[in-house]
Amino acid sequence: MDSDDLEPRKRRGEALAALAREDLELLGIEELKERITALEAEIVRIRNQLERKQGSLSAAEALFKK
């Protein structure tokens, strides 16, 4: 059995909440810049997913309006 199987599953949004609670005072300038870069990449990933979902919804709505 994998050790990951023994870990309790994290709830949705828990990682984001934990990230927001981190003390930024403990991070250096480079660490803060790296964090910004990672968060910006995550925003792009989320926006792409949102666009895909909106496209699917539009396609489904168009199909059922006929």
PDB file of N, CA and C in Angstrom:
ATOM      1  N   MET A   1       0.852  -1.185   0.000  1.00  0.00           N
ATOM      2  CA  MET A   1       0.000   0.000   0.000  1.00  0.00           C
ATOM      3  C   MET A   1       0.889   1.237   0.000  1.00  0.00           C
ATOM      4  N   ASP A   2       0.507   2.203  -0.796  1.00  0.00           N
ATOM      5  CA  ASP A   2       1.246   3.460  -0.906  1.00  0.00           C
ATOM      6  C   ASP A   2       0.987   4.307   0.339  1.00  0.00           C
ATOM      7  N   SER A   3       1.997   5.020   0.806  1.00  0.00           N
ATOM      8  CA  SER A   3       1.822   5.857   2.003  1.00  0.00           C
ATOM      9  C   SER A   3       0.827   6.982   1.764  1.00  0.00           C
ATOM     10  N   ASP A   4       0.669   7.388   0.485  1.00  0.00           N
ATOM     11  CA  ASP A   4      -0.324   8.419   0.165  1.00  0.00           C
ATOM     12  C   ASP A   4      -1.740   7.934   0.448  1.00  0.00           C
ATOM     13  N   ASP A   5      -1.948   6.617   0.352  1.00  0.00           N
ATOM     14  CA  ASP A   5      -3.264   6.046   0.625  1.00  0.00           C
ATOM     15  C   ASP A   5      -3.645   6.191   2.090  1.00  0.00           C
ATOM     16  N   LEU A   6      -2.659   6.335   2.945  1.00  0.00           N
ATOM     17  CA  LEU A   6      -2.915   6.451   4.372  1.00  0.00           C
ATOM     18  C   LEU A   6      -3.216   7.875   4.807  1.00  0.00           C
ATOM     19  N   GLU A   7      -2.858   8.837   3.955  1.00  0.00           N
ATOM     20  CA  GLU A   7      -3.085  10.242   4.264  1.00  0.00           C
ATOM     21  C   GLU A   7      -4.552  10.595   4.027  1.00  0.00           C
ATOM     22  N   PRO A   8      -5.130  11.368   4.926  1.00  0.00           N
ATOM     23  CA  PRO A   8      -6.520  11.790   4.675  1.00  0.00           C
ATOM     24  C   PRO A   8      -6.564  12.732   3.473  1.00  0.00           C
ATOM     25  N   ARG A   9      -7.639  12.643   2.708  1.00  0.00           N
ATOM     26  CA  ARG A   9      -7.787  13.517   1.544  1.00  0.00           C
ATOM     27  C   ARG A   9      -8.018  14.942   1.999  1.00  0.00           C
ATOM     28  N   LYS A  10      -7.420  15.872   1.261  1.00  0.00           N
ATOM     29  CA  LYS A  10      -7.638  17.283   1.563  1.00  0.00           C
ATOM     30  C   LYS A  10      -8.931  17.736   0.914  1.00  0.00           C
ATOM     31  N   ARG A  11      -9.634  18.571   1.608  1.00  0.00           N
ATOM     32  CA  ARG A  11     -10.881  19.107   1.060  1.00  0.00           C
ATOM     33  C   ARG A  11     -10.553  20.148   0.006  1.00  0.00           C
ATOM     34  N   ARG A  12     -11.505  20.357  -0.910  1.00  0.00           N
ATOM     35  CA  ARG A  12     -11.315  21.377  -1.939  1.00  0.00           C
ATOM     36  C   ARG A  12     -11.109  22.727  -1.287  1.00  0.00           C
ATOM     37  N   GLY A  13     -10.165  23.459  -1.822  1.00  0.00           N
ATOM     38  CA  GLY A  13      -9.902  24.797  -1.323  1.00  0.00           C
ATOM     39  C   GLY A  13      -9.006  24.838  -0.097  1.00  0.00           C
ATOM     40  N   GLU A  14      -8.733  23.676   0.488  1.00  0.00           N
ATOM     41  CA  GLU A  14      -7.909  23.644   1.699  1.00  0.00           C
ATOM     42  C   GLU A  14      -6.480  24.113   1.423  1.00  0.00           C
ATOM     43  N   ALA A  15      -5.933  23.716   0.278  1.00  0.00           N
ATOM     44  CA  ALA A  15      -4.567  24.132  -0.066  1.00  0.00           C
ATOM     45  C   ALA A  15      -4.492  25.638  -0.245  1.00  0.00           C
ATOM     46  N   LEU A  16      -5.506  26.204  -0.888  1.00  0.00           N
ATOM     47  CA  LEU A  16      -5.539  27.654  -1.094  1.00  0.00           C
ATOM     48  C   LEU A  16      -5.658  28.386   0.238  1.00  0.00           C
ATOM     49  N   ALA A  17      -6.491  27.873   1.118  1.00  0.00           N
ATOM     50  CA  ALA A  17      -6.656  28.496   2.437  1.00  0.00           C
ATOM     51  C   ALA A  17      -5.351  28.426   3.232  1.00  0.00           C
ATOM     52  N   ALA A  18      -4.668  27.293   3.162  1.00  0.00           N
ATOM     53  CA  ALA A  18      -3.390  27.140   3.870  1.00  0.00           C
ATOM     54  C   ALA A  18      -2.346  28.101   3.303  1.00  0.00           C
ATOM     55  N   LEU A  19      -2.345  28.251   1.990  1.00  0.00           N
ATOM     56  CA  LEU A  19      -1.410  29.161   1.339  1.00  0.00           C
ATOM     57  C   LEU A  19      -1.647  30.595   1.798  1.00  0.00           C
ATOM     58  N   ALA A  20      -2.902  30.977   1.903  1.00  0.00           N
ATOM     59  CA  ALA A  20      -3.251  32.339   2.313  1.00  0.00           C
ATOM     60  C   ALA A  20      -2.889  32.615   3.774  1.00  0.00           C
ATOM     61  N   ARG A  21      -2.812  31.553   4.581  1.00  0.00           N
ATOM     62  CA  ARG A  21      -2.477  31.738   6.008  1.00  0.00           C
ATOM     63  C   ARG A  21      -0.973  31.791   6.273  1.00  0.00           C
ATOM     64  N   GLU A  22      -0.167  31.437   5.271  1.00  0.00           N
ATOM     65  CA  GLU A  22       1.280  31.423   5.487  1.00  0.00           C
ATOM     66  C   GLU A  22       1.799  32.813   5.820  1.00  0.00           C
ATOM     67  N   ASP A  23       2.778  32.851   6.700  1.00  0.00           N
ATOM     68  CA  ASP A  23       3.393  34.116   7.099  1.00  0.00           C
ATOM     69  C   ASP A  23       4.417  34.522   6.045  1.00  0.00           C
ATOM     70  N   LEU A  24       4.098  35.539   5.268  1.00  0.00           N
ATOM     71  CA  LEU A  24       4.982  35.988   4.199  1.00  0.00           C
ATOM     72  C   LEU A  24       6.233  36.676   4.732  1.00  0.00           C
ATOM     73  N   GLU A  25       6.193  37.105   5.976  1.00  0.00           N
ATOM     74  CA  GLU A  25       7.361  37.747   6.592  1.00  0.00           C
ATOM     75  C   GLU A  25       8.554  36.807   6.646  1.00  0.00           C
ATOM     76  N   LEU A  26       8.291  35.514   6.628  1.00  0.00           N
ATOM     77  CA  LEU A  26       9.363  34.524   6.727  1.00  0.00           C
ATOM     78  C   LEU A  26      10.063  34.272   5.390  1.00  0.00           C
ATOM     79  N   LEU A  27       9.484  34.774   4.302  1.00  0.00           N
ATOM     80  CA  LEU A  27      10.044  34.528   2.976  1.00  0.00           C
ATOM     81  C   LEU A  27      10.961  35.672   2.544  1.00  0.00           C
ATOM     82  N   GLY A  28      12.001  35.300   1.811  1.00  0.00           N
ATOM     83  CA  GLY A  28      12.920  36.299   1.272  1.00  0.00           C
ATOM     84  C   GLY A  28      12.389  36.862  -0.040  1.00  0.00           C
ATOM     85  N   ILE A  29      13.106  37.817  -0.578  1.00  0.00           N
ATOM     86  CA  ILE A  29      12.698  38.483  -1.811  1.00  0.00           C
ATOM     87  C   ILE A  29      12.569  37.487  -2.958  1.00  0.00           C
ATOM     88  N   GLU A  30      13.561  36.642  -3.160  1.00  0.00           N
ATOM     89  CA  GLU A  30      13.516  35.663  -4.246  1.00  0.00           C
ATOM     90  C   GLU A  30      12.381  34.669  -4.047  1.00  0.00           C
ATOM     91  N   GLU A  31      12.165  34.254  -2.819  1.00  0.00           N
ATOM     92  CA  GLU A  31      11.064  33.326  -2.538  1.00  0.00           C
ATOM     93  C   GLU A  31       9.707  33.968  -2.847  1.00  0.00           C
ATOM     94  N   LEU A  32       9.579  35.238  -2.526  1.00  0.00           N
ATOM     95  CA  LEU A  32       8.338  35.954  -2.828  1.00  0.00           C
ATOM     96  C   LEU A  32       8.141  36.076  -4.338  1.00  0.00           C
ATOM     97  N   LYS A  33       9.215  36.366  -5.068  1.00  0.00           N
ATOM     98  CA  LYS A  33       9.128  36.458  -6.524  1.00  0.00           C
ATOM     99  C   LYS A  33       8.749  35.111  -7.133  1.00  0.00           C
ATOM    100  N   GLU A  34       9.345  34.031  -6.625  1.00  0.00           N
ATOM    101  CA  GLU A  34       9.022  32.684  -7.103  1.00  0.00           C
ATOM    102  C   GLU A  34       7.563  32.351  -6.812  1.00  0.00           C
ATOM    103  N   ARG A  35       7.097  32.762  -5.675  1.00  0.00           N
ATOM    104  CA  ARG A  35       5.703  32.508  -5.295  1.00  0.00           C
ATOM    105  C   ARG A  35       4.752  33.249  -6.240  1.00  0.00           C
ATOM    106  N   ILE A  36       5.076  34.496  -6.559  1.00  0.00           N
ATOM    107  CA  ILE A  36       4.262  35.274  -7.499  1.00  0.00           C
ATOM    108  C   ILE A  36       4.232  34.579  -8.858  1.00  0.00           C
ATOM    109  N   THR A  37       5.373  34.133  -9.330  1.00  0.00           N
ATOM    110  CA  THR A  37       5.454  33.442 -10.618  1.00  0.00           C
ATOM    111  C   THR A  37       4.594  32.182 -10.612  1.00  0.00           C
ATOM    112  N   ALA A  38       4.678  31.414  -9.544  1.00  0.00           N
ATOM    113  CA  ALA A  38       3.881  30.189  -9.438  1.00  0.00           C
ATOM    114  C   ALA A  38       2.389  30.503  -9.387  1.00  0.00           C
ATOM    115  N   LEU A  39       2.026  31.535  -8.651  1.00  0.00           N
ATOM    116  CA  LEU A  39       0.612  31.901  -8.552  1.00  0.00           C
ATOM    117  C   LEU A  39       0.079  32.432  -9.877  1.00  0.00           C
ATOM    118  N   GLU A  40       0.896  33.191 -10.602  1.00  0.00           N
ATOM    119  CA  GLU A  40       0.479  33.683 -11.916  1.00  0.00           C
ATOM    120  C   GLU A  40       0.263  32.521 -12.882  1.00  0.00           C
ATOM    121  N   ALA A  41       1.132  31.504 -12.815  1.00  0.00           N
ATOM    122  CA  ALA A  41       0.964  30.316 -13.659  1.00  0.00           C
ATOM    123  C   ALA A  41      -0.312  29.577 -13.281  1.00  0.00           C
ATOM    124  N   GLU A  42      -0.624  29.516 -12.018  1.00  0.00           N
ATOM    125  CA  GLU A  42      -1.850  28.864 -11.565  1.00  0.00           C
ATOM    126  C   GLU A  42      -3.077  29.633 -12.042  1.00  0.00           C
ATOM    127  N   ILE A  43      -3.009  30.948 -12.041  1.00  0.00           N
ATOM    128  CA  ILE A  43      -4.123  31.766 -12.537  1.00  0.00           C
ATOM    129  C   ILE A  43      -4.365  31.472 -14.018  1.00  0.00           C
ATOM    130  N   VAL A  44      -3.308  31.364 -14.808  1.00  0.00           N
ATOM    131  CA  VAL A  44      -3.443  31.039 -16.232  1.00  0.00           C
ATOM    132  C   VAL A  44      -4.094  29.667 -16.387  1.00  0.00           C
ATOM    133  N   ARG A  45      -3.664  28.699 -15.603  1.00  0.00           N
ATOM    134  CA  ARG A  45      -4.222  27.340 -15.662  1.00  0.00           C
ATOM    135  C   ARG A  45      -5.711  27.354 -15.324  1.00  0.00           C
ATOM    136  N   ILE A  46      -6.086  28.118 -14.311  1.00  0.00           N
ATOM    137  CA  ILE A  46      -7.489  28.208 -13.890  1.00  0.00           C
ATOM    138  C   ILE A  46      -8.318  28.900 -14.973  1.00  0.00           C
ATOM    139  N   ARG A  47      -7.795  29.976 -15.540  1.00  0.00           N
ATOM    140  CA  ARG A  47      -8.529  30.688 -16.597  1.00  0.00           C
ATOM    141  C   ARG A  47      -8.750  29.791 -17.817  1.00  0.00           C
ATOM    142  N   ASN A  48      -7.735  28.990 -18.165  1.00  0.00           N
ATOM    143  CA  ASN A  48      -7.879  28.062 -19.288  1.00  0.00           C
ATOM    144  C   ASN A  48      -8.974  27.030 -19.003  1.00  0.00           C
ATOM    145  N   GLN A  49      -8.997  26.514 -17.805  1.00  0.00           N
ATOM    146  CA  GLN A  49     -10.025  25.543 -17.423  1.00  0.00           C
ATOM    147  C   GLN A  49     -11.405  26.192 -17.452  1.00  0.00           C
ATOM    148  N   LEU A  50     -11.501  27.402 -16.976  1.00  0.00           N
ATOM    149  CA  LEU A  50     -12.766  28.136 -16.975  1.00  0.00           C
ATOM    150  C   LEU A  50     -13.268  28.341 -18.407  1.00  0.00           C
ATOM    151  N   GLU A  51     -12.375  28.717 -19.309  1.00  0.00           N
ATOM    152  CA  GLU A  51     -12.750  28.901 -20.714  1.00  0.00           C
ATOM    153  C   GLU A  51     -13.249  27.600 -21.325  1.00  0.00           C
ATOM    154  N   ARG A  52     -12.583  26.471 -21.019  1.00  0.00           N
ATOM    155  CA  ARG A  52     -13.023  25.172 -21.534  1.00  0.00           C
ATOM    156  C   ARG A  52     -14.420  24.837 -21.013  1.00  0.00           C
ATOM    157  N   LYS A  53     -14.644  25.077 -19.742  1.00  0.00           N
ATOM    158  CA  LYS A  53     -15.955  24.773 -19.160  1.00  0.00           C
ATOM    159  C   LYS A  53     -17.036  25.677 -19.737  1.00  0.00           C
ATOM    160  N   GLN A  54     -16.721  26.946 -19.930  1.00  0.00           N
ATOM    161  CA  GLN A  54     -17.694  27.862 -20.509  1.00  0.00           C
ATOM    162  C   GLN A  54     -18.004  27.471 -21.951  1.00  0.00           C
ATOM    163  N   GLY A  55     -16.996  27.024 -22.681  1.00  0.00           N
ATOM    164  CA  GLY A  55     -17.204  26.565 -24.052  1.00  0.00           C
ATOM    165  C   GLY A  55     -18.098  25.341 -24.100  1.00  0.00           C
ATOM    166  N   SER A  56     -17.872  24.412 -23.182  1.00  0.00           N
ATOM    167  CA  SER A  56     -18.710  23.214 -23.118  1.00  0.00           C
ATOM    168  C   SER A  56     -20.143  23.579 -22.766  1.00  0.00           C
ATOM    169  N   LEU A  57     -20.312  24.491 -21.854  1.00  0.00           N
ATOM    170  CA  LEU A  57     -21.647  24.913 -21.451  1.00  0.00           C
ATOM    171  C   LEU A  57     -22.358  25.589 -22.616  1.00  0.00           C
ATOM    172  N   SER A  58     -21.660  26.444 -23.327  1.00  0.00           N
ATOM    173  CA  SER A  58     -22.255  27.128 -24.484  1.00  0.00           C
ATOM    174  C   SER A  58     -22.662  26.118 -25.545  1.00  0.00           C
ATOM    175  N   ALA A  59     -21.811  25.129 -25.783  1.00  0.00           N
ATOM    176  CA  ALA A  59     -22.116  24.099 -26.792  1.00  0.00           C
ATOM    177  C   ALA A  59     -23.347  23.295 -26.369  1.00  0.00           C
ATOM    178  N   ALA A  60     -23.425  22.948 -25.098  1.00  0.00           N
ATOM    179  CA  ALA A  60     -24.573  22.186 -24.607  1.00  0.00           C
ATOM    180  C   ALA A  60     -25.856  23.016 -24.690  1.00  0.00           C
ATOM    181  N   GLU A  61     -25.762  24.279 -24.339  1.00  0.00           N
ATOM    182  CA  GLU A  61     -26.942  25.155 -24.419  1.00  0.00           C
ATOM    183  C   GLU A  61     -27.405  25.298 -25.859  1.00  0.00           C
ATOM    184  N   ALA A  62     -26.477  25.434 -26.802  1.00  0.00           N
ATOM    185  CA  ALA A  62     -26.817  25.570 -28.207  1.00  0.00           C
ATOM    186  C   ALA A  62     -27.474  24.290 -28.728  1.00  0.00           C
ATOM    187  N   LEU A  63     -26.993  23.159 -28.275  1.00  0.00           N
ATOM    188  CA  LEU A  63     -27.542  21.877 -28.709  1.00  0.00           C
ATOM    189  C   LEU A  63     -28.980  21.702 -28.247  1.00  0.00           C
ATOM    190  N   PHE A  64     -29.267  22.079 -27.021  1.00  0.00           N
ATOM    191  CA  PHE A  64     -30.595  21.862 -26.459  1.00  0.00           C
ATOM    192  C   PHE A  64     -31.592  22.971 -26.782  1.00  0.00           C
ATOM    193  N   LYS A  65     -31.123  24.070 -27.350  1.00  0.00           N
ATOM    194  CA  LYS A  65     -32.043  25.145 -27.739  1.00  0.00           C
ATOM    195  C   LYS A  65     -32.754  24.828 -29.048  1.00  0.00           C
ATOM    196  N   LYS A  66     -32.187  23.919 -29.826  1.00  0.00           N
ATOM    197  CA  LYS A  66     -32.764  23.588 -31.137  1.00  0.00           C
ATOM    198  C   LYS A  66     -34.044  22.834 -31.008  1.00  0.00           C
TER     199      LYS A  66
END
